Amino acid sequence: MKATLLLASLAIASVVSAAGQVFFEETFSDGNWQDRWTISTTKDDLGVFALSSGTFYANKDYAQGLQTSQDARFYSISAPFTSVVDNSKDDLIVQYTVKQEVNQECGGSYIKLLPEGFDAHTFNGDSEYAIMFGPDVCGTQNRVHVIFHHNGKNFLTKKEFPVPKDTKTHLYRLTVHPDQKYSLQIDGDVKADRVALEDHWDVYAPRMIADPNDKKPADWVEEERVVDESHKKPENYDQIPRTIPDPEAKQPEDWDAEADGDWEVPEVNNPEFEEWEPKMMVNPAYKGEWKPSEIPNPQFKEDPSLAHYRIGGVGLDLWQVNSGSIFDDFVVTTDKAVADKYLGRWKENNAKEKELVAEIEAKAAKEKEAKEKEEAEKLEGDARAAADNTFGKKEDVEAADGEDKMNNKDKKKIDSDGFDELDELEDEQPEQNRHDEL
């Protein structure tokens, strides 16, 4: 199914070839992806890529992509284009999808467009790239990167584009226009539309700067509000004391004037006293905050080569704490119709994926509820058993006490009977002695 869709998209590309060119397409629809992609040899412990559709999918063939499979690893892999991209005259569209089934604590899912003639075997994090584009999440950082390389420097965008944080497949599209503007879409939603690069990147010195020779006029008024001179202090205001003797204070009965001195009434705030401040009014002479006039910046120089590249391939150079990212449906083209074809397929899949995720979440919620109910019933049963056990022990103790009491009673009876027999023997003993004497 996926191969059929790929052939259909290629057919469309050939029909509209006059409108643009497709430099790279990858849907991982066959088992020969390793013939097209090269794993870097710069590290011995790089993470392993594998084909996977993930743990859930609306369409297994469509969902199959290149997945990171090991946690806490670096990943480095690249693939060449069918021909070198020169985007100096046409819109360059870069588009791909990412599915992150596991919550990413810290890791990137971005791609790098690599310059003509790049070495796939030595490709690593220090390798030069033309554009870096895609999601990056680490701690509080959550942004879709768009980084342009220019004159030996990498320029990060000042604009924040949050990464969608769920387990569904998401589509990212970057369009670089030849007039030094760009457009950005996430899941088909426009985030930036033909915005000048210099508005979101500090690629140039400012076009205008403050005139260093412009001085603030001596009579320039910057005070926005002034005292209202018509507001006068009341005539008797200064006669109102701030504090007064406490009318409720009384001299302690044990106050010793000779030892403690004369008793003085403590002071309290005067309720009739209020701070007086003159009213403020809008300054009629206010001219606003003074700023020097601006002049053209002699350091500004527009570079017609900005964001114009000769690109030879695409690479994934990543660090991921949590693996499981599935990359798919790469397309690099100057033909918008081809990119839109992939977007249409994504929308169809996304609708089904939403339904599937809703079912999965509903099932998980139901299982959680059942488990919580089971645990609650178990706790209740354990509590009941503990109570029964305590009650049983109490009955055993009471029974033992009763038995002890009965034993004690019998013992007393035996002891009493013994004493009676002893008394009888003692009564008989004198009589016996008399017979012995005779």
Protein backbone atom coordinates (compact mmCIF):
# COMPACT_ATOMS: atom_id res chain seq x y z
CA MET A 1 0.00 0.00 0.00
CA LYS A 2 2.75 2.40 0.97
CA ALA A 3 4.74 1.55 -2.16
CA THR A 4 1.64 2.23 -4.27
CA LEU A 5 1.25 5.66 -2.70
CA LEU A 6 4.93 6.35 -3.28
CA LEU A 7 4.62 5.46 -6.98
CA ALA A 8 1.56 7.69 -7.23
CA SER A 9 3.47 10.59 -5.71
CA LEU A 10 6.36 10.02 -8.12
CA ALA A 11 3.92 10.01 -11.02
CA ILE A 12 2.54 13.35 -9.88
CA ALA A 13 6.09 14.65 -9.55
CA SER A 14 6.83 13.71 -13.16
CA VAL A 15 3.66 15.40 -14.40
CA VAL A 16 4.51 18.67 -12.67
CA SER A 17 8.26 18.42 -13.21
CA ALA A 18 8.16 21.71 -15.04
CA ALA A 19 7.07 23.38 -11.82
CA GLY A 20 9.85 21.93 -9.69
CA GLN A 21 12.20 19.09 -8.91
CA VAL A 22 12.29 16.33 -6.30
CA PHE A 23 15.78 15.89 -4.86
CA PHE A 24 15.03 13.36 -2.16
CA GLU A 25 12.18 11.08 -1.10
CA GLU A 26 12.27 8.40 1.56
CA THR A 27 9.30 6.43 2.89
CA PHE A 28 11.14 3.29 4.09
CA SER A 29 8.61 1.21 2.16
CA ASP A 30 11.13 -1.49 1.29
CA GLY A 31 13.89 -3.34 3.09
CA ASN A 32 16.70 -1.64 1.18
CA TRP A 33 16.97 1.53 3.24
CA GLN A 34 20.51 0.60 4.33
CA ASP A 35 21.58 0.84 0.69
CA ARG A 36 20.53 4.48 0.69
CA TRP A 37 21.62 5.52 4.18
CA THR A 38 25.12 5.42 5.66
CA ILE A 39 25.86 5.11 9.37
CA SER A 40 28.73 7.27 10.58
CA THR A 41 31.93 5.52 11.67
CA THR A 42 33.09 8.26 14.04
CA LYS A 43 31.83 6.47 17.19
CA ASP A 44 31.80 2.80 18.16
CA ASP A 45 28.80 3.04 20.47
CA LEU A 46 26.29 4.84 18.26
CA GLY A 47 22.64 3.96 18.73
CA VAL A 48 21.07 1.48 16.33
CA PHE A 49 18.38 2.45 13.82
CA ALA A 50 15.69 -0.07 12.88
CA LEU A 51 12.56 -0.16 10.75
CA SER A 52 9.41 -0.03 12.87
CA SER A 53 5.76 0.99 12.75
CA GLY A 54 5.73 1.57 16.49
CA THR A 55 3.52 0.00 19.13
CA PHE A 56 0.32 1.42 17.66
CA TYR A 57 -0.65 2.61 14.19
CA ALA A 58 -3.65 3.27 12.01
CA ASN A 59 -1.90 1.75 8.98
CA LYS A 60 1.15 -0.44 9.54
CA ASP A 61 2.67 0.12 6.09
CA TYR A 62 2.22 3.88 6.26
CA ALA A 63 3.55 4.04 9.83
CA GLN A 64 6.76 2.16 9.07
CA GLY A 65 9.78 4.39 9.39
CA LEU A 66 13.33 4.65 10.73
CA GLN A 67 13.27 4.33 14.52
CA THR A 68 15.89 5.02 17.18
CA SER A 69 16.01 1.85 19.28
CA GLN A 70 18.39 2.39 22.23
CA ASP A 71 18.12 4.82 25.14
CA ALA A 72 20.85 7.28 26.08
CA ARG A 73 22.73 7.07 22.79
CA PHE A 74 24.10 9.27 20.05
CA TYR A 75 22.78 8.59 16.55
CA SER A 76 24.46 9.58 13.31
CA ILE A 77 23.25 8.60 9.84
CA SER A 78 22.94 10.34 6.46
CA ALA A 79 21.75 9.90 2.90
CA PRO A 80 22.71 11.70 -0.35
CA PHE A 81 20.28 13.47 -2.68
CA THR A 82 19.74 12.32 -6.23
CA SER A 83 21.26 15.63 -7.33
CA VAL A 84 22.66 18.74 -5.68
CA VAL A 85 20.14 21.35 -4.54
CA ASP A 86 20.70 24.96 -5.56
CA ASN A 87 17.95 27.03 -3.94
CA SER A 88 19.08 30.44 -5.16
CA LYS A 89 16.20 30.72 -7.64
CA ASP A 90 13.38 28.50 -6.37
CA ASP A 91 11.50 27.82 -3.17
CA LEU A 92 13.12 24.91 -1.35
CA ILE A 93 10.68 22.73 0.64
CA VAL A 94 12.01 20.39 3.33
CA GLN A 95 9.42 18.12 4.93
CA TYR A 96 9.31 14.98 7.09
CA THR A 97 7.33 13.32 9.89
CA VAL A 98 8.27 12.26 13.41
CA LYS A 99 6.39 10.05 15.83
CA GLN A 100 7.52 9.99 19.46
CA GLU A 101 5.64 7.26 21.32
CA VAL A 102 7.67 7.64 24.54
CA ASN A 103 7.87 10.89 26.49
CA GLN A 104 11.19 12.48 25.58
CA GLU A 105 13.13 13.76 28.60
CA CYS A 106 16.01 15.09 26.54
CA GLY A 107 16.58 14.47 22.87
CA GLY A 108 16.42 15.87 19.38
CA SER A 109 14.40 14.73 16.38
CA TYR A 110 15.73 17.31 13.93
CA ILE A 111 17.43 16.87 10.58
CA LYS A 112 20.44 18.55 9.02
CA LEU A 113 20.76 19.50 5.36
CA LEU A 114 24.37 18.80 4.44
CA PRO A 115 26.55 20.66 1.95
CA GLU A 116 27.53 19.32 -1.43
CA GLY A 117 30.36 16.81 -1.15
CA PHE A 118 29.81 15.88 2.52
CA ASP A 119 31.49 12.72 3.83
CA ALA A 120 28.84 10.30 5.11
CA HIS A 121 31.34 8.13 7.00
CA THR A 122 32.79 11.00 9.05
CA PHE A 123 29.48 12.84 9.53
CA ASN A 124 29.09 13.85 13.20
CA GLY A 125 27.95 16.65 15.48
CA ASP A 126 30.84 18.89 14.44
CA SER A 127 30.22 18.51 10.72
CA GLU A 128 29.19 21.64 8.85
CA TYR A 129 25.57 21.85 7.76
CA ALA A 130 23.49 24.31 5.76
CA ILE A 131 20.20 24.14 7.67
CA MET A 132 19.15 22.38 10.87
CA PHE A 133 15.41 21.92 11.22
CA GLY A 134 13.07 20.05 13.53
CA PRO A 135 11.97 19.39 17.12
CA ASP A 136 14.29 19.43 20.12
CA VAL A 137 13.15 18.73 23.69
CA CYS A 138 15.34 18.82 26.80
CA GLY A 139 14.08 19.78 30.23
CA THR A 140 12.29 23.10 29.94
CA GLN A 141 13.48 23.60 26.34
CA ASN A 142 10.76 22.67 23.89
CA ARG A 143 11.21 24.15 20.45
CA VAL A 144 11.30 23.46 16.74
CA HIS A 145 14.76 24.50 15.61
CA VAL A 146 15.38 26.45 12.44
CA ILE A 147 19.10 27.19 12.22
CA PHE A 148 20.82 28.71 9.19
CA HIS A 149 24.55 28.49 8.56
CA HIS A 150 26.03 31.68 7.14
CA ASN A 151 29.60 32.91 6.85
CA GLY A 152 30.95 30.26 9.21
CA LYS A 153 28.32 30.78 11.92
CA ASN A 154 25.12 29.01 12.90
CA PHE A 155 22.23 31.39 13.52
CA LEU A 156 19.40 30.26 15.82
CA THR A 157 15.97 31.73 15.35
CA LYS A 158 14.70 34.21 17.93
CA LYS A 159 11.17 32.93 17.33
CA GLU A 160 9.85 30.13 19.53
CA PHE A 161 7.89 27.31 17.89
CA PRO A 162 6.74 24.74 20.52
CA VAL A 163 6.96 21.02 19.77
CA PRO A 164 3.63 19.12 19.89
CA LYS A 165 3.90 16.89 22.97
CA ASP A 166 1.92 13.73 22.36
CA THR A 167 2.46 10.26 20.91
CA LYS A 168 0.96 10.89 17.46
CA THR A 169 2.81 11.39 14.18
CA HIS A 170 3.59 15.05 13.39
CA LEU A 171 4.60 16.67 10.11
CA TYR A 172 7.17 19.47 9.84
CA ARG A 173 7.65 21.63 6.75
CA LEU A 174 10.22 24.37 6.18
CA THR A 175 10.16 26.48 3.02
CA VAL A 176 13.19 28.63 2.24
CA HIS A 177 12.34 31.31 -0.30
CA PRO A 178 15.07 32.70 -2.58
CA ASP A 179 14.29 36.29 -1.51
CA GLN A 180 15.67 35.65 2.01
CA LYS A 181 12.32 34.79 3.52
CA TYR A 182 10.98 31.60 5.04
CA SER A 183 7.73 29.82 5.86
CA LEU A 184 7.07 27.19 8.49
CA GLN A 185 4.24 24.70 8.98
CA ILE A 186 3.61 22.15 11.72
CA ASP A 187 0.92 19.60 10.91
CA GLY A 188 -0.20 21.85 8.07
CA ASP A 189 -0.74 24.81 10.40
CA VAL A 190 1.11 27.93 9.26
CA LYS A 191 3.50 29.21 11.94
CA ALA A 192 5.39 31.67 9.74
CA ASP A 193 4.46 32.88 6.27
CA ARG A 194 7.14 34.47 4.10
CA VAL A 195 8.84 36.18 7.04
CA ALA A 196 12.12 37.99 6.36
CA LEU A 197 15.06 36.09 7.81
CA GLU A 198 16.47 39.24 9.38
CA ASP A 199 13.23 39.58 11.41
CA HIS A 200 13.74 36.24 13.18
CA TRP A 201 17.53 35.85 12.96
CA ASP A 202 20.36 38.22 13.83
CA VAL A 203 22.09 37.50 10.55
CA TYR A 204 22.81 41.16 9.81
CA ALA A 205 23.87 44.16 11.79
CA PRO A 206 20.86 46.49 12.40
CA ARG A 207 19.80 48.46 9.34
CA MET A 208 19.32 51.62 11.43
CA ILE A 209 21.17 52.85 14.53
CA ALA A 210 20.84 55.81 16.89
CA ASP A 211 22.54 58.96 15.63
CA PRO A 212 25.51 59.43 18.00
CA ASN A 213 25.54 63.17 17.21
CA ASP A 214 21.90 63.72 18.13
CA LYS A 215 21.61 65.32 21.60
CA LYS A 216 18.56 65.85 23.78
CA PRO A 217 17.44 69.52 23.70
CA ALA A 218 17.95 71.39 26.96
CA ASP A 219 14.25 72.29 27.14
CA TRP A 220 13.02 68.75 26.48
CA VAL A 221 10.46 67.83 29.15
CA GLU A 222 10.30 64.13 30.05
CA GLU A 223 8.24 64.46 33.27
CA GLU A 224 4.84 63.03 32.40
CA ARG A 225 3.12 64.33 35.60
CA VAL A 226 3.77 67.38 37.77
CA VAL A 227 2.43 68.85 41.04
CA ASP A 228 -0.92 70.59 40.77
CA GLU A 229 -0.07 74.04 42.13
CA SER A 230 -3.76 74.84 42.64
CA HIS A 231 -3.99 72.16 45.29
CA LYS A 232 -3.05 73.87 48.56
CA LYS A 233 -2.37 72.47 51.99
CA PRO A 234 -5.19 73.24 54.51
CA GLU A 235 -4.40 76.23 56.74
CA ASN A 236 -4.68 74.32 60.02
CA TYR A 237 -2.94 71.20 58.76
CA ASP A 238 0.38 71.89 60.53
CA GLN A 239 -1.44 72.31 63.85
CA ILE A 240 -2.76 68.75 63.81
CA PRO A 241 -0.30 66.59 65.79
CA ARG A 242 0.77 63.25 64.36
CA THR A 243 0.39 61.57 67.78
CA ILE A 244 -1.63 62.26 70.92
CA PRO A 245 -1.55 60.93 74.51
CA ASP A 246 -3.37 57.62 74.79
CA PRO A 247 -6.75 58.54 76.34
CA GLU A 248 -7.21 54.99 77.60
CA ALA A 249 -3.83 54.72 79.28
CA LYS A 250 -3.78 54.66 83.09
CA GLN A 251 -0.91 54.85 85.51
CA PRO A 252 -0.17 51.41 86.95
CA GLU A 253 -1.27 51.04 90.57
CA ASP A 254 2.17 49.82 91.62
CA TRP A 255 3.96 52.76 89.97
CA ASP A 256 6.59 54.13 92.37
CA ALA A 257 7.33 57.73 91.40
CA GLU A 258 10.37 57.88 93.66
CA ALA A 259 11.87 54.75 92.13
CA ASP A 260 10.47 54.95 88.60
CA GLY A 261 10.18 58.68 88.09
CA ASP A 262 7.16 60.59 86.91
CA TRP A 263 4.76 58.43 84.88
CA GLU A 264 4.22 59.68 81.34
CA VAL A 265 1.17 58.93 79.25
CA PRO A 266 2.20 56.90 76.15
CA GLU A 267 1.54 58.36 72.70
CA VAL A 268 -0.74 56.85 70.05
CA ASN A 269 -1.42 57.79 66.43
CA ASN A 270 -3.80 60.67 66.06
CA PRO A 271 -6.88 59.46 64.14
CA GLU A 272 -7.47 63.02 62.90
CA PHE A 273 -4.01 63.26 61.36
CA GLU A 274 -3.52 62.36 57.68
CA GLU A 275 -0.47 62.65 55.48
CA TRP A 276 -0.93 65.49 53.06
CA GLU A 277 0.43 65.25 49.56
CA PRO A 278 -0.22 67.65 46.73
CA LYS A 279 -2.20 66.26 43.82
CA MET A 280 -0.43 65.42 40.59
CA MET A 281 -1.58 66.42 37.15
CA VAL A 282 -0.65 65.71 33.55
CA ASN A 283 2.27 67.87 32.56
CA PRO A 284 1.10 70.11 29.72
CA ALA A 285 4.74 70.53 28.64
CA TYR A 286 5.42 66.78 28.46
CA LYS A 287 7.04 65.75 25.17
CA GLY A 288 7.52 62.06 25.86
CA GLU A 289 10.66 60.01 26.32
CA TRP A 290 13.43 61.44 24.25
CA LYS A 291 15.15 59.15 21.80
CA PRO A 292 17.89 60.05 19.39
CA SER A 293 16.98 60.00 15.74
CA GLU A 294 18.12 57.04 13.66
CA ILE A 295 20.48 56.97 10.76
CA PRO A 296 21.46 54.19 8.34
CA ASN A 297 23.97 51.84 9.93
CA PRO A 298 27.26 52.05 8.05
CA GLN A 299 28.02 48.50 9.27
CA PHE A 300 24.89 47.04 7.67
CA LYS A 301 25.56 45.12 4.53
CA GLU A 302 22.96 42.93 2.89
CA ASP A 303 24.34 39.65 1.62
CA PRO A 304 22.54 38.33 -1.47
CA SER A 305 23.92 34.84 -0.75
CA LEU A 306 22.12 34.51 2.60
CA ALA A 307 20.30 31.15 2.85
CA HIS A 308 21.41 30.19 -0.66
CA TYR A 309 23.07 26.80 -0.57
CA ARG A 310 24.31 23.90 -2.59
CA ILE A 311 22.97 20.97 -0.59
CA GLY A 312 24.01 17.37 -1.19
CA GLY A 313 22.15 15.32 1.41
CA VAL A 314 20.29 14.97 4.69
CA GLY A 315 21.51 13.66 8.03
CA LEU A 316 20.28 12.72 11.48
CA ASP A 317 22.80 13.66 14.15
CA LEU A 318 21.05 13.20 17.49
CA TRP A 319 21.35 12.57 21.19
CA GLN A 320 18.34 10.88 22.79
CA VAL A 321 17.77 9.91 26.41
CA ASN A 322 14.54 8.16 25.45
CA SER A 323 14.62 6.33 22.14
CA GLY A 324 11.63 5.47 19.98
CA SER A 325 11.45 8.38 17.53
CA ILE A 326 10.17 7.19 14.15
CA PHE A 327 11.29 9.28 11.15
CA ASP A 328 9.38 8.95 7.90
CA ASP A 329 8.18 10.53 4.67
CA PHE A 330 11.23 12.67 3.93
CA VAL A 331 10.82 14.92 0.92
CA VAL A 332 13.12 17.67 -0.32
CA THR A 333 11.74 19.42 -3.36
CA THR A 334 11.05 22.65 -5.18
CA ASP A 335 7.64 21.29 -6.15
CA LYS A 336 4.94 22.23 -3.64
CA ALA A 337 2.48 19.75 -5.17
CA VAL A 338 4.71 16.84 -4.15
CA ALA A 339 5.01 18.10 -0.58
CA ASP A 340 1.25 18.68 -0.44
CA LYS A 341 0.69 15.09 -1.58
CA TYR A 342 2.54 13.87 1.49
CA LEU A 343 0.66 16.37 3.65
CA GLY A 344 -2.64 14.98 2.38
CA ARG A 345 -1.57 11.44 3.26
CA TRP A 346 -0.52 12.61 6.72
CA LYS A 347 -3.92 14.25 7.30
CA GLU A 348 -5.74 11.02 6.42
CA ASN A 349 -3.51 9.05 8.76
CA ASN A 350 -3.77 11.67 11.49
CA ALA A 351 -7.57 11.43 11.57
CA LYS A 352 -7.35 7.65 12.02
CA GLU A 353 -4.51 7.98 14.51
CA LYS A 354 -6.56 10.36 16.66
CA GLU A 355 -9.39 7.81 16.84
CA LEU A 356 -6.92 5.06 17.70
CA VAL A 357 -5.23 7.11 20.42
CA ALA A 358 -8.63 8.00 21.88
CA GLU A 359 -9.51 4.29 22.04
CA ILE A 360 -6.16 3.46 23.64
CA GLU A 361 -6.54 6.23 26.21
CA ALA A 362 -10.13 5.19 26.99
CA LYS A 363 -9.03 1.57 27.45
CA ALA A 364 -6.13 2.64 29.67
CA ALA A 365 -8.47 4.81 31.77
CA LYS A 366 -10.91 1.91 32.15
CA GLU A 367 -8.12 -0.47 33.17
CA LYS A 368 -6.80 2.09 35.64
CA GLU A 369 -10.25 2.51 37.15
CA ALA A 370 -10.67 -1.28 37.45
CA LYS A 371 -7.24 -1.63 39.05
CA GLU A 372 -7.93 1.16 41.53
CA LYS A 373 -11.26 -0.47 42.40
CA GLU A 374 -9.56 -3.84 42.86
CA GLU A 375 -6.90 -2.30 45.09
CA ALA A 376 -9.54 -0.47 47.14
CA GLU A 377 -11.51 -3.69 47.62
CA LYS A 378 -8.34 -5.51 48.63
CA LEU A 379 -7.51 -2.83 51.19
CA GLU A 380 -11.04 -3.01 52.53
CA GLY A 381 -10.81 -6.82 52.74
CA ASP A 382 -7.45 -6.65 54.49
CA ALA A 383 -8.84 -4.15 56.99
CA ARG A 384 -11.87 -6.37 57.63
CA ALA A 385 -9.65 -9.43 58.11
CA ALA A 386 -7.43 -7.52 60.50
CA ALA A 387 -10.48 -6.44 62.50
CA ASP A 388 -11.80 -10.03 62.60
CA ASN A 389 -8.41 -11.28 63.69
CA THR A 390 -8.29 -8.73 66.49
CA PHE A 391 -11.82 -9.71 67.62
CA GLY A 392 -10.88 -13.42 67.55
CA LYS A 393 -7.83 -12.81 69.69
CA LYS A 394 -10.00 -10.92 72.18
CA GLU A 395 -12.40 -13.88 72.42
CA ASP A 396 -9.46 -16.24 72.95
CA VAL A 397 -8.15 -14.02 75.72
CA GLU A 398 -11.56 -13.88 77.38
CA ALA A 399 -11.91 -17.67 77.11
CA ALA A 400 -8.47 -18.14 78.60
CA ASP A 401 -9.35 -15.77 81.43
CA GLY A 402 -12.54 -17.75 82.08
CA GLU A 403 -10.63 -21.01 82.14
CA ASP A 404 -8.10 -19.57 84.55
CA LYS A 405 -10.89 -18.41 86.80
CA MET A 406 -12.46 -21.90 86.74
CA ASN A 407 -9.11 -23.50 87.51
CA ASN A 408 -8.54 -21.10 90.35
CA LYS A 409 -12.00 -21.87 91.71
CA ASP A 410 -11.37 -25.61 91.53
CA LYS A 411 -8.00 -25.12 93.14
CA LYS A 412 -9.56 -23.18 95.97
CA LYS A 413 -12.12 -25.95 96.39
CA ILE A 414 -9.37 -28.59 96.44
CA ASP A 415 -7.36 -26.55 98.89
CA SER A 416 -10.42 -26.09 101.06
CA ASP A 417 -11.21 -29.82 100.99
CA GLY A 418 -7.62 -30.57 101.88
CA PHE A 419 -7.74 -28.33 104.91
CA ASP A 420 -10.97 -30.02 106.07
CA GLU A 421 -9.33 -33.45 105.82
CA LEU A 422 -6.33 -32.15 107.74
CA ASP A 423 -8.56 -30.86 110.50
CA GLU A 424 -10.25 -34.27 110.77
CA LEU A 425 -6.89 -35.97 111.03
CA GLU A 426 -5.82 -33.59 113.74
CA ASP A 427 -9.06 -34.30 115.66
CA GLU A 428 -8.42 -38.02 115.41
CA GLN A 429 -4.75 -37.81 116.44
CA PRO A 430 -5.23 -37.19 120.22
CA GLU A 431 -7.60 -40.16 120.43
CA GLN A 432 -5.03 -42.35 118.78
CA ASN A 433 -2.37 -41.12 121.16
CA ARG A 434 -4.48 -42.08 124.12
CA HIS A 435 -4.89 -45.63 122.84
CA ASP A 436 -1.13 -45.78 122.34
CA GLU A 437 -0.52 -44.69 125.90
CA LEU A 438 -2.84 -47.42 127.28
